[in-house]
Amino acid sequence: MIDPPKYVTETYDLLLRMQEACLKEMTPGKSLKSVRSAAISFLKSEKRDYLIDCLPKTLGFAIGIDFRDNALALNSKSNVSFRNLMTFYLSLGFQGVPHKGSEKVCTVLFYFRILHLFSDSFMYIDFFPPCWGHC
């Protein structure tokens, strides 16, 4: 998007900071659902509670031989724990972000990352540039 409105830029900056909060949860021993909980906690701490409803239900998934393992989704229901040498697709974004003082909504702001977990760190395997949606 060329010359986006200020609130879109601010929302995207918030999204990048939220990514850092999510990545801190992606360590061996923590549960997969802690990633979505971290995103929600971050939005509450930034006093942007209205964006919680704009988060997708699933923030990513484990990648295996068949590309996607539905049993290892980064959502609020998964009790599985992160383990060493797992690979994940992390997809953060907001859908239906309301314009302040308008009935328009910004449809999507997304940020993608594929990362491989190690016992005390992770390695980015691929990086997709940010995608701005329609506003």
C-alpha atoms as a PDB file:
ATOM      1  CA  MET A   1       0.000   0.000   0.000  1.00  0.00           C
ATOM      2  CA  ILE A   2       1.399   3.377  -0.972  1.00  0.00           C
ATOM      3  CA  ASP A   3       1.180   6.052   1.711  1.00  0.00           C
ATOM      4  CA  PRO A   4      -1.034   4.081   4.137  1.00  0.00           C
ATOM      5  CA  PRO A   5      -3.079   5.916   6.774  1.00  0.00           C
ATOM      6  CA  LYS A   6      -1.231   6.508  10.042  1.00  0.00           C
ATOM      7  CA  TYR A   7      -3.315   3.999  12.008  1.00  0.00           C
ATOM      8  CA  VAL A   8      -2.451   1.247   9.468  1.00  0.00           C
ATOM      9  CA  THR A   9       1.261   1.922   9.929  1.00  0.00           C
ATOM     10  CA  GLU A  10       0.825   1.954  13.723  1.00  0.00           C
ATOM     11  CA  THR A  11      -1.116  -1.315  13.592  1.00  0.00           C
ATOM     12  CA  TYR A  12       1.590  -2.935  11.500  1.00  0.00           C
ATOM     13  CA  ASP A  13       4.291  -1.760  13.933  1.00  0.00           C
ATOM     14  CA  LEU A  14       2.211  -3.276  16.736  1.00  0.00           C
ATOM     15  CA  LEU A  15       2.062  -6.519  14.745  1.00  0.00           C
ATOM     16  CA  LEU A  16       5.857  -6.654  14.520  1.00  0.00           C
ATOM     17  CA  ARG A  17       6.171  -6.169  18.281  1.00  0.00           C
ATOM     18  CA  MET A  18       3.514  -8.838  18.843  1.00  0.00           C
ATOM     19  CA  GLN A  19       5.616 -11.218  16.748  1.00  0.00           C
ATOM     20  CA  GLU A  20       8.483 -10.825  19.216  1.00  0.00           C
ATOM     21  CA  ALA A  21       6.155 -11.705  22.114  1.00  0.00           C
ATOM     22  CA  CYS A  22       4.989 -14.818  20.232  1.00  0.00           C
ATOM     23  CA  LEU A  23       8.523 -15.919  19.357  1.00  0.00           C
ATOM     24  CA  LYS A  24       9.514 -15.786  23.045  1.00  0.00           C
ATOM     25  CA  GLU A  25       6.867 -18.444  23.717  1.00  0.00           C
ATOM     26  CA  MET A  26       8.137 -20.769  21.012  1.00  0.00           C
ATOM     27  CA  THR A  27      10.662 -22.635  23.141  1.00  0.00           C
ATOM     28  CA  PRO A  28      10.874 -26.354  23.904  1.00  0.00           C
ATOM     29  CA  GLY A  29       8.706 -27.322  26.854  1.00  0.00           C
ATOM     30  CA  LYS A  30       6.061 -24.615  26.428  1.00  0.00           C
ATOM     31  CA  SER A  31       2.680 -25.514  24.981  1.00  0.00           C
ATOM     32  CA  LEU A  32       1.631 -24.530  21.473  1.00  0.00           C
ATOM     33  CA  LYS A  33      -1.372 -22.633  22.827  1.00  0.00           C
ATOM     34  CA  SER A  34       0.967 -20.275  24.706  1.00  0.00           C
ATOM     35  CA  VAL A  35       1.707 -18.511  21.381  1.00  0.00           C
ATOM     36  CA  ARG A  36      -1.883 -17.322  20.953  1.00  0.00           C
ATOM     37  CA  SER A  37      -2.081 -16.492  24.668  1.00  0.00           C
ATOM     38  CA  ALA A  38       1.064 -14.372  24.310  1.00  0.00           C
ATOM     39  CA  ALA A  39      -0.472 -12.492  21.384  1.00  0.00           C
ATOM     40  CA  ILE A  40      -3.633 -11.775  23.387  1.00  0.00           C
ATOM     41  CA  SER A  41      -1.659 -10.735  26.482  1.00  0.00           C
ATOM     42  CA  PHE A  42       0.473  -8.434  24.369  1.00  0.00           C
ATOM     43  CA  LEU A  43      -2.574  -6.717  22.859  1.00  0.00           C
ATOM     44  CA  LYS A  44      -4.073  -6.252  26.319  1.00  0.00           C
ATOM     45  CA  SER A  45      -0.816  -4.788  27.647  1.00  0.00           C
ATOM     46  CA  GLU A  46      -0.779  -2.324  24.731  1.00  0.00           C
ATOM     47  CA  LYS A  47      -4.408  -1.412  25.489  1.00  0.00           C
ATOM     48  CA  ARG A  48      -5.498  -2.583  22.022  1.00  0.00           C
ATOM     49  CA  ASP A  49      -8.110  -5.095  23.239  1.00  0.00           C
ATOM     50  CA  TYR A  50     -10.356  -4.401  20.240  1.00  0.00           C
ATOM     51  CA  LEU A  51      -7.754  -6.131  18.025  1.00  0.00           C
ATOM     52  CA  ILE A  52      -8.171  -9.458  19.840  1.00  0.00           C
ATOM     53  CA  ASP A  53     -11.329 -10.121  17.821  1.00  0.00           C
ATOM     54  CA  CYS A  54      -9.311  -9.378  14.642  1.00  0.00           C
ATOM     55  CA  LEU A  55      -6.767 -12.153  15.325  1.00  0.00           C
ATOM     56  CA  PRO A  56      -7.201 -15.379  13.362  1.00  0.00           C
ATOM     57  CA  LYS A  57      -8.062 -18.468  15.440  1.00  0.00           C
ATOM     58  CA  THR A  58      -4.817 -20.181  14.386  1.00  0.00           C
ATOM     59  CA  LEU A  59      -1.477 -18.351  14.245  1.00  0.00           C
ATOM     60  CA  GLY A  60       0.417 -21.081  12.427  1.00  0.00           C
ATOM     61  CA  PHE A  61       1.243 -24.766  12.473  1.00  0.00           C
ATOM     62  CA  ALA A  62       4.027 -27.330  12.498  1.00  0.00           C
ATOM     63  CA  ILE A  63       5.505 -28.288   9.163  1.00  0.00           C
ATOM     64  CA  GLY A  64       6.248 -31.931   8.521  1.00  0.00           C
ATOM     65  CA  ILE A  65       6.492 -34.347   5.637  1.00  0.00           C
ATOM     66  CA  ASP A  66       2.971 -33.450   4.473  1.00  0.00           C
ATOM     67  CA  PHE A  67       3.619 -29.690   4.936  1.00  0.00           C
ATOM     68  CA  ARG A  68       0.937 -29.107   7.555  1.00  0.00           C
ATOM     69  CA  ASP A  69       0.210 -31.082  10.689  1.00  0.00           C
ATOM     70  CA  ASN A  70      -3.291 -30.163  11.884  1.00  0.00           C
ATOM     71  CA  ALA A  71      -2.640 -31.729  15.292  1.00  0.00           C
ATOM     72  CA  LEU A  72       0.151 -29.194  15.888  1.00  0.00           C
ATOM     73  CA  ALA A  73      -1.650 -25.904  15.257  1.00  0.00           C
ATOM     74  CA  LEU A  74      -0.742 -22.709  17.104  1.00  0.00           C
ATOM     75  CA  ASN A  75      -4.208 -22.100  18.523  1.00  0.00           C
ATOM     76  CA  SER A  76      -5.874 -21.856  21.922  1.00  0.00           C
ATOM     77  CA  LYS A  77      -6.805 -25.570  22.023  1.00  0.00           C
ATOM     78  CA  SER A  78      -3.449 -27.304  21.471  1.00  0.00           C
ATOM     79  CA  ASN A  79      -1.937 -28.846  24.608  1.00  0.00           C
ATOM     80  CA  VAL A  80       1.085 -30.264  22.774  1.00  0.00           C
ATOM     81  CA  SER A  81       4.463 -28.861  23.841  1.00  0.00           C
ATOM     82  CA  PHE A  82       7.178 -27.469  21.624  1.00  0.00           C
ATOM     83  CA  ARG A  83      10.089 -29.874  21.199  1.00  0.00           C
ATOM     84  CA  ASN A  84      13.618 -29.454  19.973  1.00  0.00           C
ATOM     85  CA  LEU A  85      14.081 -29.552  16.158  1.00  0.00           C
ATOM     86  CA  MET A  86      10.430 -28.836  15.290  1.00  0.00           C
ATOM     87  CA  THR A  87       9.698 -26.538  12.339  1.00  0.00           C
ATOM     88  CA  PHE A  88       6.818 -24.062  12.356  1.00  0.00           C
ATOM     89  CA  TYR A  89       5.048 -21.700  10.025  1.00  0.00           C
ATOM     90  CA  LEU A  90       4.115 -18.574  12.023  1.00  0.00           C
ATOM     91  CA  SER A  91       1.442 -16.380  10.449  1.00  0.00           C
ATOM     92  CA  LEU A  92       0.375 -13.285  12.351  1.00  0.00           C
ATOM     93  CA  GLY A  93      -2.185 -10.778  11.240  1.00  0.00           C
ATOM     94  CA  PHE A  94      -5.387  -8.895  11.849  1.00  0.00           C
ATOM     95  CA  GLN A  95      -8.597  -9.142   9.878  1.00  0.00           C
ATOM     96  CA  GLY A  96     -11.346  -6.545   9.913  1.00  0.00           C
ATOM     97  CA  VAL A  97      -9.387  -3.832  11.703  1.00  0.00           C
ATOM     98  CA  PRO A  98     -11.829  -0.920  12.169  1.00  0.00           C
ATOM     99  CA  HIS A  99     -10.973   2.579  10.965  1.00  0.00           C
ATOM    100  CA  LYS A 100     -11.268   5.170  13.713  1.00  0.00           C
ATOM    101  CA  GLY A 101     -14.269   7.398  13.004  1.00  0.00           C
ATOM    102  CA  SER A 102     -15.338   5.429   9.922  1.00  0.00           C
ATOM    103  CA  GLU A 103     -17.283   2.330   9.012  1.00  0.00           C
ATOM    104  CA  LYS A 104     -14.462   1.043   6.789  1.00  0.00           C
ATOM    105  CA  VAL A 105     -12.312  -1.857   7.913  1.00  0.00           C
ATOM    106  CA  CYS A 106      -8.807  -2.887   6.941  1.00  0.00           C
ATOM    107  CA  THR A 107      -9.190  -6.459   5.753  1.00  0.00           C
ATOM    108  CA  VAL A 108      -5.760  -7.979   6.375  1.00  0.00           C
ATOM    109  CA  LEU A 109      -2.304  -7.181   7.699  1.00  0.00           C
ATOM    110  CA  PHE A 110      -0.128 -10.301   7.620  1.00  0.00           C
ATOM    111  CA  TYR A 111       3.387 -11.232   8.561  1.00  0.00           C
ATOM    112  CA  PHE A 112       4.825 -14.677   7.742  1.00  0.00           C
ATOM    113  CA  ARG A 113       7.820 -16.582   9.087  1.00  0.00           C
ATOM    114  CA  ILE A 114       9.054 -20.155   8.877  1.00  0.00           C
ATOM    115  CA  LEU A 115      11.370 -21.117  11.715  1.00  0.00           C
ATOM    116  CA  HIS A 116      13.175 -24.153  13.040  1.00  0.00           C
ATOM    117  CA  LEU A 117      13.385 -24.587  16.828  1.00  0.00           C
ATOM    118  CA  PHE A 118      16.533 -25.538  18.688  1.00  0.00           C
ATOM    119  CA  SER A 119      16.876 -26.170  22.409  1.00  0.00           C
ATOM    120  CA  ASP A 120      17.618 -22.527  23.235  1.00  0.00           C
ATOM    121  CA  SER A 121      17.019 -20.586  20.002  1.00  0.00           C
ATOM    122  CA  PHE A 122      15.490 -20.765  16.546  1.00  0.00           C
ATOM    123  CA  MET A 123      16.631 -20.262  12.981  1.00  0.00           C
ATOM    124  CA  TYR A 124      14.601 -18.503  10.294  1.00  0.00           C
ATOM    125  CA  ILE A 125      14.358 -20.808   7.315  1.00  0.00           C
ATOM    126  CA  ASP A 126      12.443 -18.468   5.084  1.00  0.00           C
ATOM    127  CA  PHE A 127      11.149 -14.937   5.286  1.00  0.00           C
ATOM    128  CA  PHE A 128       8.199 -13.543   3.423  1.00  0.00           C
ATOM    129  CA  PRO A 129       7.935  -9.773   3.233  1.00  0.00           C
ATOM    130  CA  PRO A 130       4.921  -8.263   4.946  1.00  0.00           C
ATOM    131  CA  CYS A 131       1.663  -8.162   3.049  1.00  0.00           C
ATOM    132  CA  TRP A 132      -0.693  -5.240   3.421  1.00  0.00           C
ATOM    133  CA  GLY A 133      -4.364  -5.825   2.825  1.00  0.00           C
ATOM    134  CA  HIS A 134      -7.105  -3.669   1.427  1.00  0.00           C
ATOM    135  CA  CYS A 135      -8.228  -0.716   3.503  1.00  0.00           C
END
